C-alpha atoms as a PDB file:
ATOM      1  CA  UNK A   1     -72.345 -56.299-134.797  1.00  0.00           C
ATOM      2  CA  UNK A   2     -74.502 -58.657-132.731  1.00  0.00           C
ATOM      3  CA  UNK A   3     -75.424 -62.013-134.142  1.00  0.00           C
ATOM      4  CA  UNK A   4     -78.914 -63.433-133.738  1.00  0.00           C
ATOM      5  CA  UNK A   5     -77.760 -65.822-130.978  1.00  0.00           C
ATOM      6  CA  UNK A   6     -76.226 -62.945-128.991  1.00  0.00           C
ATOM      7  CA  UNK A   7     -79.506 -61.046-129.114  1.00  0.00           C
ATOM      8  CA  UNK A   8     -81.401 -64.024-127.711  1.00  0.00           C
ATOM      9  CA  UNK A   9     -78.931 -64.654-124.869  1.00  0.00           C
ATOM     10  CA  UNK A  10     -80.645 -64.415-121.525  1.00  0.00           C
ATOM     11  CA  UNK A  11     -79.005 -63.999-118.153  1.00  0.00           C
ATOM     12  CA  UNK A  12     -80.367 -64.402-114.638  1.00  0.00           C
ATOM     13  CA  UNK A  13     -81.166 -60.708-114.284  1.00  0.00           C
ATOM     14  CA  UNK A  14     -83.194 -60.719-117.494  1.00  0.00           C
ATOM     15  CA  UNK A  15     -84.979 -63.882-116.373  1.00  0.00           C
ATOM     16  CA  UNK A  16     -85.903 -62.369-112.985  1.00  0.00           C
ATOM     17  CA  UNK A  17     -87.143 -59.197-114.683  1.00  0.00           C
ATOM     18  CA  UNK A  18     -89.215 -61.230-117.131  1.00  0.00           C
ATOM     19  CA  UNK A  19     -90.921 -63.160-114.340  1.00  0.00           C
ATOM     20  CA  UNK A  20     -91.594 -60.010-112.337  1.00  0.00           C
ATOM     21  CA  UNK A  21     -92.964 -58.287-115.436  1.00  0.00           C
ATOM     22  CA  UNK A  22     -95.499 -61.094-115.821  1.00  0.00           C
ATOM     23  CA  UNK A  23     -96.383 -60.741-112.116  1.00  0.00           C
ATOM     24  CA  UNK A  24     -96.874 -56.979-112.495  1.00  0.00           C
ATOM     25  CA  UNK A  25     -99.021 -57.627-115.551  1.00  0.00           C
ATOM     26  CA  UNK A  26    -101.217 -59.930-113.438  1.00  0.00           C
ATOM     27  CA  UNK A  27    -101.389 -57.236-110.790  1.00  0.00           C
ATOM     28  CA  UNK A  28    -102.688 -54.758-113.359  1.00  0.00           C
ATOM     29  CA  UNK A  29     -99.636 -52.525-112.993  1.00  0.00           C
ATOM     30  CA  UNK A  30     -98.535 -52.870-116.622  1.00  0.00           C
ATOM     31  CA  UNK A  31    -100.598 -53.528-119.747  1.00  0.00           C
ATOM     32  CA  UNK A  32    -100.460 -56.888-121.507  1.00  0.00           C
ATOM     33  CA  UNK A  33     -97.894 -57.155-124.344  1.00  0.00           C
ATOM     34  CA  UNK A  34    -100.664 -57.489-126.928  1.00  0.00           C
ATOM     35  CA  UNK A  35    -101.925 -54.066-125.880  1.00  0.00           C
ATOM     36  CA  UNK A  36    -105.084 -52.916-124.230  1.00  0.00           C
ATOM     37  CA  UNK A  37    -105.800 -51.792-120.724  1.00  0.00           C
ATOM     38  CA  UNK A  38    -104.086 -53.381-117.720  1.00  0.00           C
ATOM     39  CA  UNK A  39    -106.327 -55.749-115.783  1.00  0.00           C
ATOM     40  CA  UNK A  40    -105.919 -57.652-112.538  1.00  0.00           C
ATOM     41  CA  UNK A  41    -105.433 -61.422-112.670  1.00  0.00           C
ATOM     42  CA  UNK A  42    -104.372 -62.447-109.166  1.00  0.00           C
ATOM     43  CA  UNK A  43    -103.866 -66.082-110.189  1.00  0.00           C
ATOM     44  CA  UNK A  44    -101.365 -65.058-112.882  1.00  0.00           C
ATOM     45  CA  UNK A  45     -99.654 -62.735-110.429  1.00  0.00           C
ATOM     46  CA  UNK A  46     -99.448 -65.429-107.720  1.00  0.00           C
ATOM     47  CA  UNK A  47     -98.009 -68.002-110.143  1.00  0.00           C
ATOM     48  CA  UNK A  48     -95.253 -65.613-111.160  1.00  0.00           C
ATOM     49  CA  UNK A  49     -94.505 -64.558-107.584  1.00  0.00           C
ATOM     50  CA  UNK A  50     -94.273 -68.268-106.715  1.00  0.00           C
ATOM     51  CA  UNK A  51     -91.873 -68.714-109.636  1.00  0.00           C
ATOM     52  CA  UNK A  52     -89.730 -65.824-108.380  1.00  0.00           C
ATOM     53  CA  UNK A  53     -89.714 -67.434-104.920  1.00  0.00           C
ATOM     54  CA  UNK A  54     -88.681 -70.775-106.457  1.00  0.00           C
ATOM     55  CA  UNK A  55     -85.854 -69.120-108.400  1.00  0.00           C
ATOM     56  CA  UNK A  56     -84.802 -67.250-105.242  1.00  0.00           C
ATOM     57  CA  UNK A  57     -84.474 -70.567-103.416  1.00  0.00           C
ATOM     58  CA  UNK A  58     -82.931 -72.613-106.244  1.00  0.00           C
ATOM     59  CA  UNK A  59     -80.300 -70.040-107.234  1.00  0.00           C
ATOM     60  CA  UNK A  60     -79.178 -69.297-103.666  1.00  0.00           C
ATOM     61  CA  UNK A  61     -75.396 -69.242-103.457  1.00  0.00           C
ATOM     62  CA  UNK A  62     -75.060 -68.908-107.225  1.00  0.00           C
ATOM     63  CA  UNK A  63     -76.105 -65.266-107.634  1.00  0.00           C
ATOM     64  CA  UNK A  64     -73.978 -62.149-107.767  1.00  0.00           C
ATOM     65  CA  UNK A  65     -74.612 -59.468-105.147  1.00  0.00           C
ATOM     66  CA  UNK A  66     -76.466 -57.433-107.790  1.00  0.00           C
ATOM     67  CA  UNK A  67     -78.693 -60.424-108.617  1.00  0.00           C
ATOM     68  CA  UNK A  68     -79.327 -60.934-104.883  1.00  0.00           C
ATOM     69  CA  UNK A  69     -80.439 -57.327-104.479  1.00  0.00           C
ATOM     70  CA  UNK A  70     -82.598 -57.459-107.600  1.00  0.00           C
ATOM     71  CA  UNK A  71     -84.514 -60.623-106.697  1.00  0.00           C
ATOM     72  CA  UNK A  72     -85.026 -59.436-103.112  1.00  0.00           C
ATOM     73  CA  UNK A  73     -86.386 -56.113-104.384  1.00  0.00           C
ATOM     74  CA  UNK A  74     -88.624 -57.781-106.978  1.00  0.00           C
ATOM     75  CA  UNK A  75     -90.018 -60.211-104.412  1.00  0.00           C
ATOM     76  CA  UNK A  76     -90.730 -57.383-101.985  1.00  0.00           C
ATOM     77  CA  UNK A  77     -92.427 -55.186-104.593  1.00  0.00           C
ATOM     78  CA  UNK A  78     -94.543 -57.943-106.135  1.00  0.00           C
ATOM     79  CA  UNK A  79     -95.610 -59.334-102.746  1.00  0.00           C
ATOM     80  CA  UNK A  80     -96.609 -55.905-101.438  1.00  0.00           C
ATOM     81  CA  UNK A  81     -98.563 -55.053-104.591  1.00  0.00           C
ATOM     82  CA  UNK A  82    -100.233 -58.491-104.466  1.00  0.00           C
ATOM     83  CA  UNK A  83    -101.375 -57.925-100.870  1.00  0.00           C
ATOM     84  CA  UNK A  84    -102.632 -54.454-101.822  1.00  0.00           C
ATOM     85  CA  UNK A  85    -104.641 -55.818-104.781  1.00  0.00           C
ATOM     86  CA  UNK A  86    -105.938 -58.760-102.727  1.00  0.00           C
ATOM     87  CA  UNK A  87    -107.443 -56.362-100.161  1.00  0.00           C
ATOM     88  CA  UNK A  88    -109.454 -54.517-102.840  1.00  0.00           C
END
């Protein structure tokens, strides 16, 4: 059985996914956690993409190959969606 502290444990993968989720929320791709319709907030999206970029830089050399692939993929997807939304 999991204890409360085990349930709250966060790893780098979970952290990257959390940041990207906030970016996708700002891009209007996913609805806000409080419910309602998704809406575009490019400032929120940009802040979270910047945070992903910061984590990409600061964790270099300390990530597993899976974490490397994940953050690269998340950066690519969020950047492309940001550019797409910015053009609209």
